[in-house]
PDB file of all heavy atoms in Angstrom:
ATOM      1  N   ARG A   1      15.255  31.687   5.794  1.00  0.00           N
ATOM      2  CA  ARG A   1      14.771  30.333   6.062  1.00  0.00           C
ATOM      3  C   ARG A   1      13.911  29.840   4.909  1.00  0.00           C
ATOM      4  O   ARG A   1      13.971  28.675   4.525  1.00  0.00           O
ATOM      5  CB  ARG A   1      13.971  30.302   7.367  1.00  0.00           C
ATOM      6  CG  ARG A   1      13.464  28.912   7.694  1.00  0.00           C
ATOM      7  CD  ARG A   1      12.973  28.851   9.123  1.00  0.00           C
ATOM      8  NE  ARG A   1      12.415  27.554   9.428  1.00  0.00           N
ATOM      9  CZ  ARG A   1      13.122  26.467   9.687  1.00  0.00           C
ATOM     10  NH1 ARG A   1      14.450  26.538   9.667  1.00  0.00           N
ATOM     11  NH2 ARG A   1      12.552  25.320   9.963  1.00  0.00           N
ATOM     12  N   ARG A   2      13.148  30.790   4.303  1.00  0.00           N
ATOM     13  CA  ARG A   2      12.321  30.417   3.157  1.00  0.00           C
ATOM     14  C   ARG A   2      13.169  29.912   2.016  1.00  0.00           C
ATOM     15  O   ARG A   2      12.875  28.903   1.379  1.00  0.00           O
ATOM     16  CB  ARG A   2      11.503  31.625   2.710  1.00  0.00           C
ATOM     17  CG  ARG A   2      10.667  31.390   1.456  1.00  0.00           C
ATOM     18  CD  ARG A   2      10.370  32.683   0.726  1.00  0.00           C
ATOM     19  NE  ARG A   2      11.589  33.269   0.229  1.00  0.00           N
ATOM     20  CZ  ARG A   2      11.701  34.506  -0.208  1.00  0.00           C
ATOM     21  NH1 ARG A   2      10.666  35.325  -0.177  1.00  0.00           N
ATOM     22  NH2 ARG A   2      12.853  34.955  -0.651  1.00  0.00           N
ATOM     23  N   GLU A   3      14.293  30.585   1.733  1.00  0.00           N
ATOM     24  CA  GLU A   3      15.131  30.187   0.603  1.00  0.00           C
ATOM     25  C   GLU A   3      15.777  28.819   0.853  1.00  0.00           C
ATOM     26  O   GLU A   3      15.933  28.027  -0.090  1.00  0.00           O
ATOM     27  CB  GLU A   3      16.203  31.250   0.383  1.00  0.00           C
ATOM     28  CG  GLU A   3      15.613  32.572  -0.106  1.00  0.00           C
ATOM     29  CD  GLU A   3      16.642  33.678  -0.136  1.00  0.00           C
ATOM     30  OE1 GLU A   3      17.767  33.460   0.360  1.00  0.00           O
ATOM     31  OE2 GLU A   3      16.326  34.755  -0.647  1.00  0.00           O
ATOM     32  N   ASP A   4      16.125  28.533   2.123  1.00  0.00           N
ATOM     33  CA  ASP A   4      16.681  27.208   2.435  1.00  0.00           C
ATOM     34  C   ASP A   4      15.640  26.115   2.237  1.00  0.00           C
ATOM     35  O   ASP A   4      15.938  25.022   1.736  1.00  0.00           O
ATOM     36  CB  ASP A   4      17.175  27.181   3.887  1.00  0.00           C
ATOM     37  CG  ASP A   4      18.410  28.051   4.074  1.00  0.00           C
ATOM     38  OD1 ASP A   4      19.092  28.343   3.068  1.00  0.00           O
ATOM     39  OD2 ASP A   4      18.665  28.445   5.232  1.00  0.00           O
ATOM     40  N   LEU A   5      14.413  26.402   2.636  1.00  0.00           N
ATOM     41  CA  LEU A   5      13.376  25.378   2.585  1.00  0.00           C
ATOM     42  C   LEU A   5      12.913  25.081   1.160  1.00  0.00           C
ATOM     43  O   LEU A   5      12.526  23.958   0.845  1.00  0.00           O
ATOM     44  CB  LEU A   5      12.166  25.823   3.422  1.00  0.00           C
ATOM     45  CG  LEU A   5      12.408  25.900   4.935  1.00  0.00           C
ATOM     46  CD1 LEU A   5      11.212  26.543   5.623  1.00  0.00           C
ATOM     47  CD2 LEU A   5      12.648  24.510   5.502  1.00  0.00           C
ATOM     48  N   VAL A   6      12.964  26.098   0.291  1.00  0.00           N
ATOM     49  CA  VAL A   6      12.488  25.893  -1.080  1.00  0.00           C
ATOM     50  C   VAL A   6      13.287  24.793  -1.761  1.00  0.00           C
ATOM     51  O   VAL A   6      12.766  24.010  -2.559  1.00  0.00           O
ATOM     52  CB  VAL A   6      12.566  27.212  -1.869  1.00  0.00           C
ATOM     53  CG1 VAL A   6      12.414  26.961  -3.372  1.00  0.00           C
ATOM     54  CG2 VAL A   6      11.494  28.176  -1.399  1.00  0.00           C
ATOM     55  N   ASP A   7      14.596  24.715  -1.457  1.00  0.00           N
ATOM     56  CA  ASP A   7      15.446  23.693  -2.067  1.00  0.00           C
ATOM     57  C   ASP A   7      14.967  22.281  -1.750  1.00  0.00           C
ATOM     58  O   ASP A   7      15.254  21.333  -2.497  1.00  0.00           O
ATOM     59  CB  ASP A   7      16.887  23.858  -1.586  1.00  0.00           C
ATOM     60  CG  ASP A   7      17.500  25.146  -2.087  1.00  0.00           C
ATOM     61  OD1 ASP A   7      17.023  25.664  -3.120  1.00  0.00           O
ATOM     62  OD2 ASP A   7      18.455  25.630  -1.436  1.00  0.00           O
ATOM     63  N   PHE A   8      14.227  22.151  -0.639  1.00  0.00           N
ATOM     64  CA  PHE A   8      13.789  20.825  -0.221  1.00  0.00           C
ATOM     65  C   PHE A   8      12.342  20.529  -0.580  1.00  0.00           C
ATOM     66  O   PHE A   8      11.811  19.498  -0.209  1.00  0.00           O
ATOM     67  CB  PHE A   8      13.958  20.669   1.306  1.00  0.00           C
ATOM     68  CG  PHE A   8      15.375  20.660   1.752  1.00  0.00           C
ATOM     69  CD1 PHE A   8      15.977  21.829   2.200  1.00  0.00           C
ATOM     70  CD2 PHE A   8      16.120  19.495   1.718  1.00  0.00           C
ATOM     71  CE1 PHE A   8      17.292  21.816   2.627  1.00  0.00           C
ATOM     72  CE2 PHE A   8      17.433  19.483   2.136  1.00  0.00           C
ATOM     73  CZ  PHE A   8      18.032  20.651   2.588  1.00  0.00           C
ATOM     74  N   GLU A   9      11.712  21.441  -1.306  1.00  0.00           N
ATOM     75  CA  GLU A   9      10.302  21.231  -1.602  1.00  0.00           C
ATOM     76  C   GLU A   9      10.106  19.940  -2.379  1.00  0.00           C
ATOM     77  O   GLU A   9      10.749  19.716  -3.406  1.00  0.00           O
ATOM     78  CB  GLU A   9       9.747  22.401  -2.408  1.00  0.00           C
ATOM     79  CG  GLU A   9       8.269  22.254  -2.698  1.00  0.00           C
ATOM     80  CD  GLU A   9       7.671  23.508  -3.318  1.00  0.00           C
ATOM     81  OE1 GLU A   9       8.425  24.457  -3.543  1.00  0.00           O
ATOM     82  OE2 GLU A   9       6.462  23.496  -3.581  1.00  0.00           O
ATOM     83  N   PRO A  10       9.232  19.057  -1.905  1.00  0.00           N
ATOM     84  CA  PRO A  10       9.062  17.765  -2.583  1.00  0.00           C
ATOM     85  C   PRO A  10       8.373  17.928  -3.928  1.00  0.00           C
ATOM     86  O   PRO A  10       7.458  18.734  -4.082  1.00  0.00           O
ATOM     87  CB  PRO A  10       8.173  16.978  -1.609  1.00  0.00           C
ATOM     88  CG  PRO A  10       7.443  18.029  -0.833  1.00  0.00           C
ATOM     89  CD  PRO A  10       8.369  19.192  -0.733  1.00  0.00           C
ATOM     90  N   ALA A  11       8.822  17.162  -4.908  1.00  0.00           N
ATOM     91  CA  ALA A  11       8.188  17.198  -6.217  1.00  0.00           C
ATOM     92  C   ALA A  11       6.866  16.450  -6.160  1.00  0.00           C
ATOM     93  O   ALA A  11       6.691  15.538  -5.358  1.00  0.00           O
ATOM     94  CB  ALA A  11       9.109  16.559  -7.255  1.00  0.00           C
ATOM     95  N   PRO A  12       5.911  16.853  -7.022  1.00  0.00           N
ATOM     96  CA  PRO A  12       4.654  16.099  -7.067  1.00  0.00           C
ATOM     97  C   PRO A  12       4.909  14.653  -7.445  1.00  0.00           C
ATOM     98  O   PRO A  12       5.872  14.344  -8.130  1.00  0.00           O
ATOM     99  CB  PRO A  12       3.851  16.832  -8.152  1.00  0.00           C
ATOM    100  CG  PRO A  12       4.474  18.191  -8.248  1.00  0.00           C
ATOM    101  CD  PRO A  12       5.926  17.995  -7.934  1.00  0.00           C
ATOM    102  N   GLY A  13       4.044  13.765  -6.996  1.00  0.00           N
ATOM    103  CA  GLY A  13       4.183  12.354  -7.310  1.00  0.00           C
ATOM    104  C   GLY A  13       4.128  11.506  -6.064  1.00  0.00           C
ATOM    105  O   GLY A  13       3.983  12.010  -4.954  1.00  0.00           O
ATOM    106  N   PRO A  14       4.257  10.202  -6.218  1.00  0.00           N
ATOM    107  CA  PRO A  14       4.162   9.284  -5.075  1.00  0.00           C
ATOM    108  C   PRO A  14       5.203   9.588  -4.007  1.00  0.00           C
ATOM    109  O   PRO A  14       6.340   9.958  -4.314  1.00  0.00           O
ATOM    110  CB  PRO A  14       4.393   7.907  -5.698  1.00  0.00           C
ATOM    111  CG  PRO A  14       4.078   8.087  -7.155  1.00  0.00           C
ATOM    112  CD  PRO A  14       4.477   9.491  -7.482  1.00  0.00           C
ATOM    113  N   VAL A  15       4.794   9.411  -2.767  1.00  0.00           N
ATOM    114  CA  VAL A  15       5.694   9.608  -1.632  1.00  0.00           C
ATOM    115  C   VAL A  15       6.011   8.234  -1.047  1.00  0.00           C
ATOM    116  O   VAL A  15       5.113   7.408  -0.908  1.00  0.00           O
ATOM    117  CB  VAL A  15       5.021  10.499  -0.562  1.00  0.00           C
ATOM    118  CG1 VAL A  15       5.924  10.623   0.667  1.00  0.00           C
ATOM    119  CG2 VAL A  15       4.729  11.875  -1.157  1.00  0.00           C
ATOM    120  N   PRO A  16       7.269   7.945  -0.722  1.00  0.00           N
ATOM    121  CA  PRO A  16       7.603   6.626  -0.166  1.00  0.00           C
ATOM    122  C   PRO A  16       6.771   6.319   1.071  1.00  0.00           C
ATOM    123  O   PRO A  16       6.482   7.200   1.876  1.00  0.00           O
ATOM    124  CB  PRO A  16       9.092   6.767   0.206  1.00  0.00           C
ATOM    125  CG  PRO A  16       9.597   7.876  -0.660  1.00  0.00           C
ATOM    126  CD  PRO A  16       8.453   8.811  -0.854  1.00  0.00           C
ATOM    127  N   ALA A  17       6.401   5.073   1.210  1.00  0.00           N
ATOM    128  CA  ALA A  17       5.572   4.650   2.339  1.00  0.00           C
ATOM    129  C   ALA A  17       6.448   4.480   3.575  1.00  0.00           C
ATOM    130  O   ALA A  17       7.073   3.442   3.780  1.00  0.00           O
ATOM    131  CB  ALA A  17       4.864   3.334   2.012  1.00  0.00           C
ATOM    132  N   VAL A  18       6.585   5.533   4.372  1.00  0.00           N
ATOM    133  CA  VAL A  18       7.379   5.515   5.589  1.00  0.00           C
ATOM    134  C   VAL A  18       6.466   5.807   6.767  1.00  0.00           C
ATOM    135  O   VAL A  18       5.677   6.749   6.732  1.00  0.00           O
ATOM    136  CB  VAL A  18       8.507   6.572   5.519  1.00  0.00           C
ATOM    137  CG1 VAL A  18       9.295   6.582   6.822  1.00  0.00           C
ATOM    138  CG2 VAL A  18       9.426   6.298   4.339  1.00  0.00           C
ATOM    139  N   ASP A  19       6.568   5.001   7.818  1.00  0.00           N
ATOM    140  CA  ASP A  19       5.758   5.201   9.005  1.00  0.00           C
ATOM    141  C   ASP A  19       6.553   6.029  10.001  1.00  0.00           C
ATOM    142  O   ASP A  19       7.495   5.546  10.621  1.00  0.00           O
ATOM    143  CB  ASP A  19       5.379   3.848   9.612  1.00  0.00           C
ATOM    144  CG  ASP A  19       4.432   4.005  10.789  1.00  0.00           C
ATOM    145  OD1 ASP A  19       4.173   5.157  11.180  1.00  0.00           O
ATOM    146  OD2 ASP A  19       3.953   2.987  11.301  1.00  0.00           O
ATOM    147  N   ASP A  20       6.198   7.299  10.119  1.00  0.00           N
ATOM    148  CA  ASP A  20       6.912   8.211  11.005  1.00  0.00           C
ATOM    149  C   ASP A  20       6.213   8.378  12.345  1.00  0.00           C
ATOM    150  O   ASP A  20       6.645   9.199  13.148  1.00  0.00           O
ATOM    151  CB  ASP A  20       7.012   9.596  10.351  1.00  0.00           C
ATOM    152  CG  ASP A  20       7.777   9.562   9.045  1.00  0.00           C
ATOM    153  OD1 ASP A  20       8.985   9.342   9.102  1.00  0.00           O
ATOM    154  OD2 ASP A  20       7.148   9.751   7.992  1.00  0.00           O
ATOM    155  N   THR A  21       5.149   7.641  12.592  1.00  0.00           N
ATOM    156  CA  THR A  21       4.322   7.930  13.753  1.00  0.00           C
ATOM    157  C   THR A  21       5.091   7.799  15.056  1.00  0.00           C
ATOM    158  O   THR A  21       5.049   8.708  15.896  1.00  0.00           O
ATOM    159  CB  THR A  21       3.103   6.986  13.784  1.00  0.00           C
ATOM    160  OG1 THR A  21       2.469   7.008  12.503  1.00  0.00           O
ATOM    161  CG2 THR A  21       2.122   7.436  14.840  1.00  0.00           C
ATOM    162  N   LEU A  22       5.795   6.702  15.253  1.00  0.00           N
ATOM    163  CA  LEU A  22       6.512   6.519  16.509  1.00  0.00           C
ATOM    164  C   LEU A  22       7.598   7.573  16.680  1.00  0.00           C
ATOM    165  O   LEU A  22       7.811   8.081  17.785  1.00  0.00           O
ATOM    166  CB  LEU A  22       7.117   5.116  16.567  1.00  0.00           C
ATOM    167  CG  LEU A  22       7.689   4.700  17.926  1.00  0.00           C
ATOM    168  CD1 LEU A  22       6.610   4.740  18.997  1.00  0.00           C
ATOM    169  CD2 LEU A  22       8.287   3.299  17.843  1.00  0.00           C
ATOM    170  N   GLN A  23       8.264   7.924  15.581  1.00  0.00           N
ATOM    171  CA  GLN A  23       9.275   8.978  15.653  1.00  0.00           C
ATOM    172  C   GLN A  23       8.638  10.286  16.112  1.00  0.00           C
ATOM    173  O   GLN A  23       9.215  11.027  16.917  1.00  0.00           O
ATOM    174  CB  GLN A  23       9.931   9.166  14.288  1.00  0.00           C
ATOM    175  CG  GLN A  23      10.985  10.285  14.276  1.00  0.00           C
ATOM    176  CD  GLN A  23      11.473  10.624  12.886  1.00  0.00           C
ATOM    177  OE1 GLN A  23      10.925  10.124  11.901  1.00  0.00           O
ATOM    178  NE2 GLN A  23      12.478  11.459  12.796  1.00  0.00           N
ATOM    179  N   LEU A  24       7.435  10.576  15.623  1.00  0.00           N
ATOM    180  CA  LEU A  24       6.750  11.802  16.032  1.00  0.00           C
ATOM    181  C   LEU A  24       6.409  11.788  17.516  1.00  0.00           C
ATOM    182  O   LEU A  24       6.463  12.815  18.188  1.00  0.00           O
ATOM    183  CB  LEU A  24       5.475  12.002  15.200  1.00  0.00           C
ATOM    184  CG  LEU A  24       5.682  12.512  13.789  1.00  0.00           C
ATOM    185  CD1 LEU A  24       4.359  12.521  13.039  1.00  0.00           C
ATOM    186  CD2 LEU A  24       6.278  13.906  13.805  1.00  0.00           C
ATOM    187  N   TYR A  25       6.051  10.614  18.038  1.00  0.00           N
ATOM    188  CA  TYR A  25       5.776  10.522  19.469  1.00  0.00           C
ATOM    189  C   TYR A  25       7.002  10.935  20.272  1.00  0.00           C
ATOM    190  O   TYR A  25       6.895  11.645  21.281  1.00  0.00           O
ATOM    191  CB  TYR A  25       5.361   9.092  19.838  1.00  0.00           C
ATOM    192  CG  TYR A  25       3.892   8.801  19.643  1.00  0.00           C
ATOM    193  CD1 TYR A  25       3.316   8.768  18.383  1.00  0.00           C
ATOM    194  CD2 TYR A  25       3.071   8.557  20.726  1.00  0.00           C
ATOM    195  CE1 TYR A  25       1.974   8.499  18.199  1.00  0.00           C
ATOM    196  CE2 TYR A  25       1.722   8.278  20.565  1.00  0.00           C
ATOM    197  CZ  TYR A  25       1.182   8.252  19.295  1.00  0.00           C
ATOM    198  OH  TYR A  25      -0.145   7.998  19.126  1.00  0.00           O
ATOM    199  N   PHE A  26       8.176  10.483  19.829  1.00  0.00           N
ATOM    200  CA  PHE A  26       9.404  10.846  20.539  1.00  0.00           C
ATOM    201  C   PHE A  26       9.733  12.325  20.356  1.00  0.00           C
ATOM    202  O   PHE A  26      10.191  12.986  21.296  1.00  0.00           O
ATOM    203  CB  PHE A  26      10.565   9.991  20.044  1.00  0.00           C
ATOM    204  CG  PHE A  26      10.686   8.673  20.753  1.00  0.00           C
ATOM    205  CD1 PHE A  26      10.159   7.525  20.186  1.00  0.00           C
ATOM    206  CD2 PHE A  26      11.309   8.583  21.981  1.00  0.00           C
ATOM    207  CE1 PHE A  26      10.260   6.309  20.840  1.00  0.00           C
ATOM    208  CE2 PHE A  26      11.407   7.371  22.641  1.00  0.00           C
ATOM    209  CZ  PHE A  26      10.880   6.224  22.073  1.00  0.00           C
ATOM    210  N   LEU A  27       9.513  12.857  19.172  1.00  0.00           N
ATOM    211  CA  LEU A  27       9.813  14.261  18.937  1.00  0.00           C
ATOM    212  C   LEU A  27       8.901  15.170  19.752  1.00  0.00           C
ATOM    213  O   LEU A  27       9.326  16.216  20.241  1.00  0.00           O
ATOM    214  CB  LEU A  27       9.689  14.578  17.444  1.00  0.00           C
ATOM    215  CG  LEU A  27      10.737  13.928  16.533  1.00  0.00           C
ATOM    216  CD1 LEU A  27      10.458  14.260  15.073  1.00  0.00           C
ATOM    217  CD2 LEU A  27      12.136  14.377  16.921  1.00  0.00           C
ATOM    218  N   CYS A  28       7.645  14.769  19.911  1.00  0.00           N
ATOM    219  CA  CYS A  28       6.727  15.583  20.712  1.00  0.00           C
ATOM    220  C   CYS A  28       7.087  15.538  22.196  1.00  0.00           C
ATOM    221  O   CYS A  28       6.756  16.460  22.942  1.00  0.00           O
ATOM    222  CB  CYS A  28       5.287  15.095  20.531  1.00  0.00           C
ATOM    223  SG  CYS A  28       4.561  15.575  18.958  1.00  0.00           S
ATOM    224  N   ALA A  29       7.752  14.466  22.619  1.00  0.00           N
ATOM    225  CA  ALA A  29       8.196  14.366  24.013  1.00  0.00           C
ATOM    226  C   ALA A  29       9.518  15.116  24.164  1.00  0.00           C
ATOM    227  O   ALA A  29      10.507  14.595  24.682  1.00  0.00           O
ATOM    228  CB  ALA A  29       8.352  12.898  24.400  1.00  0.00           C
ATOM    229  N   HIS A  30       9.554  16.362  23.701  1.00  0.00           N
ATOM    230  CA  HIS A  30      10.788  17.152  23.623  1.00  0.00           C
ATOM    231  C   HIS A  30      11.295  17.515  25.020  1.00  0.00           C
ATOM    232  O   HIS A  30      10.500  17.800  25.921  1.00  0.00           O
ATOM    233  CB  HIS A  30      10.523  18.431  22.811  1.00  0.00           C
ATOM    234  CG  HIS A  30      11.765  19.110  22.348  1.00  0.00           C
ATOM    235  ND1 HIS A  30      12.457  20.013  23.120  1.00  0.00           N
ATOM    236  CD2 HIS A  30      12.459  19.001  21.184  1.00  0.00           C
ATOM    237  CE1 HIS A  30      13.506  20.455  22.452  1.00  0.00           C
ATOM    238  NE2 HIS A  30      13.533  19.854  21.285  1.00  0.00           N
TER     239      HIS A  30
END
């Protein structure tokens, strides 16, 4: 699992301004 995740490691620098809060509310209501 570690080797799969390393491929997705984000590069340093600005991160797009995405509001994930509402999505997280739904994900927590699993």
